[in-house]
Amino acid sequence: MTPYLAIDYGGTTGSGSTDTNQQGMFFSASGGLWYNVSDRFAVFAAMAYELMKLQYSDTDPFSDNYKKNAHSLSLNIGISI
C-alpha cells in the first residue's frame, strides 16, 4: 500500500453562445491510498477537495461582473491497468 497526495492549480476561461465572458482560478487537492494487486493491476481510493473561483458577466457590454466560489468534496475510487 502506498499513500499519495496530489495538488492541481490552474485557470479557467471561456466564451459562451451569449457572449458571456468567464474567467477564474481552479485549485484541487487530494490524498489517498494506492494498492498494487499485481505488476499490471492496481486499485486506489482518495478524498479530494476542489475550489473554482469564477468571475463572469452576462451583460453587453461587459460592465457588471459577478463573482462566485464553487466548492466540492469527492470520493474517488478506481483501478489502473
N, C-alpha and C. Protein backbone atom coordinates (compact mmCIF):
# COMPACT_ATOMS: atom_id res chain seq x y z
N MET A 1 0.84 -1.17 0.00
CA MET A 1 0.00 0.00 0.00
C MET A 1 0.89 1.24 0.00
N THR A 2 0.53 2.22 -0.83
CA THR A 2 1.31 3.45 -0.95
C THR A 2 0.39 4.66 -0.78
N PRO A 3 0.67 5.52 0.20
CA PRO A 3 -0.12 6.75 0.30
C PRO A 3 0.34 7.76 -0.75
N TYR A 4 -0.57 8.63 -1.19
CA TYR A 4 -0.18 9.66 -2.15
C TYR A 4 -0.97 10.94 -1.93
N LEU A 5 -0.38 12.06 -2.36
CA LEU A 5 -1.01 13.37 -2.34
C LEU A 5 -0.90 13.96 -3.73
N ALA A 6 -1.89 14.74 -4.14
CA ALA A 6 -1.86 15.41 -5.44
C ALA A 6 -2.43 16.81 -5.29
N ILE A 7 -1.82 17.77 -5.99
CA ILE A 7 -2.29 19.16 -6.00
C ILE A 7 -2.34 19.63 -7.44
N ASP A 8 -3.46 20.24 -7.82
CA ASP A 8 -3.64 20.81 -9.15
C ASP A 8 -3.99 22.28 -9.00
N TYR A 9 -3.44 23.11 -9.88
CA TYR A 9 -3.72 24.54 -9.87
C TYR A 9 -3.78 25.02 -11.30
N GLY A 10 -4.72 25.89 -11.61
CA GLY A 10 -4.81 26.39 -12.97
C GLY A 10 -5.84 27.49 -13.08
N GLY A 11 -6.12 27.85 -14.30
CA GLY A 11 -7.07 28.92 -14.56
C GLY A 11 -8.16 28.46 -15.50
N THR A 12 -9.24 29.23 -15.55
CA THR A 12 -10.34 28.92 -16.44
C THR A 12 -10.65 30.15 -17.28
N THR A 13 -11.06 29.92 -18.49
CA THR A 13 -11.52 31.00 -19.36
C THR A 13 -12.49 30.40 -20.36
N GLY A 14 -13.39 31.20 -20.85
CA GLY A 14 -14.34 30.66 -21.80
C GLY A 14 -15.23 31.74 -22.37
N SER A 15 -15.96 31.36 -23.38
CA SER A 15 -16.92 32.25 -24.00
C SER A 15 -18.11 31.41 -24.43
N GLY A 16 -19.29 31.81 -24.02
CA GLY A 16 -20.49 31.06 -24.34
C GLY A 16 -21.16 31.60 -25.58
N SER A 17 -22.27 30.99 -25.92
CA SER A 17 -23.01 31.38 -27.12
C SER A 17 -23.71 32.72 -26.95
N THR A 18 -23.82 33.22 -25.71
CA THR A 18 -24.47 34.51 -25.48
C THR A 18 -23.44 35.60 -25.18
N ASP A 19 -22.21 35.41 -25.64
CA ASP A 19 -21.11 36.36 -25.41
C ASP A 19 -20.83 36.56 -23.93
N THR A 20 -21.00 35.54 -23.13
CA THR A 20 -20.70 35.61 -21.71
C THR A 20 -19.22 35.36 -21.51
N ASN A 21 -18.56 36.23 -20.81
CA ASN A 21 -17.14 36.11 -20.54
C ASN A 21 -16.95 35.48 -19.16
N GLN A 22 -16.22 34.38 -19.09
CA GLN A 22 -15.98 33.70 -17.81
C GLN A 22 -14.48 33.53 -17.64
N GLN A 23 -14.00 33.81 -16.44
CA GLN A 23 -12.60 33.56 -16.13
C GLN A 23 -12.47 33.33 -14.64
N GLY A 24 -11.41 32.64 -14.22
CA GLY A 24 -11.24 32.38 -12.81
C GLY A 24 -10.07 31.47 -12.52
N MET A 25 -10.00 31.01 -11.28
CA MET A 25 -8.91 30.18 -10.78
C MET A 25 -9.46 28.82 -10.38
N PHE A 26 -8.67 27.75 -10.58
CA PHE A 26 -9.04 26.39 -10.22
C PHE A 26 -7.97 25.82 -9.31
N PHE A 27 -8.39 25.16 -8.20
CA PHE A 27 -7.47 24.51 -7.27
C PHE A 27 -8.08 23.20 -6.82
N SER A 28 -7.26 22.15 -6.76
CA SER A 28 -7.72 20.85 -6.30
C SER A 28 -6.61 20.18 -5.48
N ALA A 29 -6.98 19.57 -4.37
CA ALA A 29 -6.04 18.81 -3.54
C ALA A 29 -6.69 17.48 -3.20
N SER A 30 -5.92 16.40 -3.30
CA SER A 30 -6.45 15.08 -2.97
C SER A 30 -5.37 14.24 -2.31
N GLY A 31 -5.82 13.24 -1.58
CA GLY A 31 -4.93 12.31 -0.92
C GLY A 31 -5.62 10.98 -0.76
N GLY A 32 -4.83 9.91 -0.87
CA GLY A 32 -5.43 8.60 -0.75
C GLY A 32 -4.41 7.49 -0.70
N LEU A 33 -4.87 6.28 -0.99
CA LEU A 33 -4.03 5.09 -0.96
C LEU A 33 -4.05 4.39 -2.31
N TRP A 34 -2.89 3.88 -2.69
CA TRP A 34 -2.69 3.14 -3.94
C TRP A 34 -2.22 1.75 -3.54
N TYR A 35 -2.88 0.71 -4.08
CA TYR A 35 -2.51 -0.67 -3.74
C TYR A 35 -2.27 -1.46 -5.03
N ASN A 36 -1.04 -1.96 -5.19
CA ASN A 36 -0.69 -2.80 -6.35
C ASN A 36 -1.13 -4.23 -6.09
N VAL A 37 -2.12 -4.69 -6.85
CA VAL A 37 -2.60 -6.06 -6.74
C VAL A 37 -1.62 -7.00 -7.44
N SER A 38 -1.11 -6.57 -8.62
CA SER A 38 -0.10 -7.31 -9.36
C SER A 38 0.78 -6.28 -10.07
N ASP A 39 1.71 -6.77 -10.92
CA ASP A 39 2.59 -5.86 -11.65
C ASP A 39 1.83 -4.97 -12.62
N ARG A 40 0.68 -5.41 -13.09
CA ARG A 40 -0.07 -4.65 -14.10
C ARG A 40 -1.47 -4.21 -13.65
N PHE A 41 -1.79 -4.34 -12.38
CA PHE A 41 -3.12 -4.01 -11.91
C PHE A 41 -3.03 -3.38 -10.52
N ALA A 42 -3.70 -2.23 -10.35
CA ALA A 42 -3.71 -1.55 -9.05
C ALA A 42 -5.10 -0.97 -8.80
N VAL A 43 -5.43 -0.79 -7.53
CA VAL A 43 -6.67 -0.13 -7.13
C VAL A 43 -6.30 1.06 -6.26
N PHE A 44 -7.16 2.08 -6.26
CA PHE A 44 -6.87 3.25 -5.45
C PHE A 44 -8.16 3.86 -4.93
N ALA A 45 -8.02 4.64 -3.85
CA ALA A 45 -9.13 5.39 -3.27
C ALA A 45 -8.56 6.68 -2.71
N ALA A 46 -9.32 7.77 -2.87
CA ALA A 46 -8.84 9.07 -2.42
C ALA A 46 -10.01 9.99 -2.08
N MET A 47 -9.73 10.98 -1.25
CA MET A 47 -10.65 12.08 -0.97
C MET A 47 -10.07 13.31 -1.66
N ALA A 48 -10.94 14.14 -2.23
CA ALA A 48 -10.48 15.33 -2.96
C ALA A 48 -11.34 16.54 -2.61
N TYR A 49 -10.70 17.71 -2.63
CA TYR A 49 -11.38 18.99 -2.45
C TYR A 49 -11.08 19.84 -3.69
N GLU A 50 -12.10 20.47 -4.24
CA GLU A 50 -11.92 21.34 -5.40
C GLU A 50 -12.53 22.70 -5.13
N LEU A 51 -11.82 23.74 -5.59
CA LEU A 51 -12.29 25.11 -5.48
C LEU A 51 -12.16 25.76 -6.85
N MET A 52 -13.22 26.40 -7.30
CA MET A 52 -13.18 27.15 -8.55
C MET A 52 -13.74 28.55 -8.28
N LYS A 53 -12.89 29.56 -8.49
CA LYS A 53 -13.31 30.96 -8.35
C LYS A 53 -13.64 31.48 -9.73
N LEU A 54 -14.86 31.93 -9.90
CA LEU A 54 -15.32 32.42 -11.21
C LEU A 54 -15.66 33.89 -11.14
N GLN A 55 -15.35 34.59 -12.20
CA GLN A 55 -15.82 35.95 -12.39
C GLN A 55 -16.47 35.99 -13.76
N TYR A 56 -17.72 36.42 -13.83
CA TYR A 56 -18.41 36.38 -15.11
C TYR A 56 -19.32 37.59 -15.27
N SER A 57 -19.70 37.84 -16.48
CA SER A 57 -20.58 38.94 -16.83
C SER A 57 -21.57 38.44 -17.87
N ASP A 58 -22.83 38.79 -17.70
CA ASP A 58 -23.83 38.37 -18.68
C ASP A 58 -24.56 39.57 -19.26
N THR A 59 -23.85 40.68 -19.36
CA THR A 59 -24.40 41.87 -19.98
C THR A 59 -23.54 42.27 -21.16
N ASP A 60 -24.08 43.10 -22.03
CA ASP A 60 -23.32 43.56 -23.19
C ASP A 60 -23.46 45.07 -23.27
N PRO A 61 -22.46 45.86 -23.07
CA PRO A 61 -21.06 45.48 -22.88
C PRO A 61 -20.82 44.92 -21.48
N PHE A 62 -19.69 44.25 -21.29
CA PHE A 62 -19.39 43.57 -20.04
C PHE A 62 -19.10 44.60 -18.95
N SER A 63 -20.14 45.13 -18.32
CA SER A 63 -19.95 46.18 -17.33
C SER A 63 -20.18 45.69 -15.90
N ASP A 64 -21.09 44.76 -15.71
CA ASP A 64 -21.39 44.24 -14.38
C ASP A 64 -20.77 42.87 -14.22
N ASN A 65 -19.76 42.76 -13.36
CA ASN A 65 -19.10 41.47 -13.12
C ASN A 65 -19.67 40.83 -11.87
N TYR A 66 -19.85 39.53 -11.90
CA TYR A 66 -20.33 38.75 -10.77
C TYR A 66 -19.23 37.77 -10.38
N LYS A 67 -19.12 37.48 -9.09
CA LYS A 67 -18.12 36.54 -8.61
C LYS A 67 -18.80 35.41 -7.86
N LYS A 68 -18.27 34.20 -8.03
CA LYS A 68 -18.83 33.02 -7.37
C LYS A 68 -17.70 32.06 -7.05
N ASN A 69 -17.74 31.47 -5.86
CA ASN A 69 -16.79 30.42 -5.47
C ASN A 69 -17.54 29.09 -5.43
N ALA A 70 -17.07 28.13 -6.20
CA ALA A 70 -17.68 26.81 -6.24
C ALA A 70 -16.76 25.83 -5.51
N HIS A 71 -17.28 25.16 -4.49
CA HIS A 71 -16.51 24.20 -3.69
C HIS A 71 -17.11 22.81 -3.86
N SER A 72 -16.26 21.78 -3.81
CA SER A 72 -16.78 20.42 -3.83
C SER A 72 -15.83 19.47 -3.12
N LEU A 73 -16.40 18.42 -2.55
CA LEU A 73 -15.67 17.31 -1.96
C LEU A 73 -16.06 16.06 -2.73
N SER A 74 -15.09 15.17 -2.94
CA SER A 74 -15.41 13.95 -3.68
C SER A 74 -14.63 12.77 -3.12
N LEU A 75 -15.16 11.60 -3.35
CA LEU A 75 -14.52 10.33 -3.04
C LEU A 75 -14.22 9.65 -4.37
N ASN A 76 -12.97 9.41 -4.64
CA ASN A 76 -12.55 8.79 -5.91
C ASN A 76 -12.09 7.36 -5.66
N ILE A 77 -12.66 6.43 -6.39
CA ILE A 77 -12.29 5.02 -6.30
C ILE A 77 -12.06 4.54 -7.73
N GLY A 78 -10.95 3.83 -7.96
CA GLY A 78 -10.70 3.40 -9.32
C GLY A 78 -9.69 2.28 -9.43
N ILE A 79 -9.41 1.92 -10.69
CA ILE A 79 -8.42 0.89 -11.00
C ILE A 79 -7.45 1.44 -12.02
N SER A 80 -6.26 0.89 -12.03
CA SER A 80 -5.25 1.24 -13.02
C SER A 80 -4.71 -0.06 -13.61
N ILE A 81 -4.73 -0.12 -14.95
CA ILE A 81 -4.27 -1.33 -15.64
C ILE A 81 -3.02 -1.01 -16.43
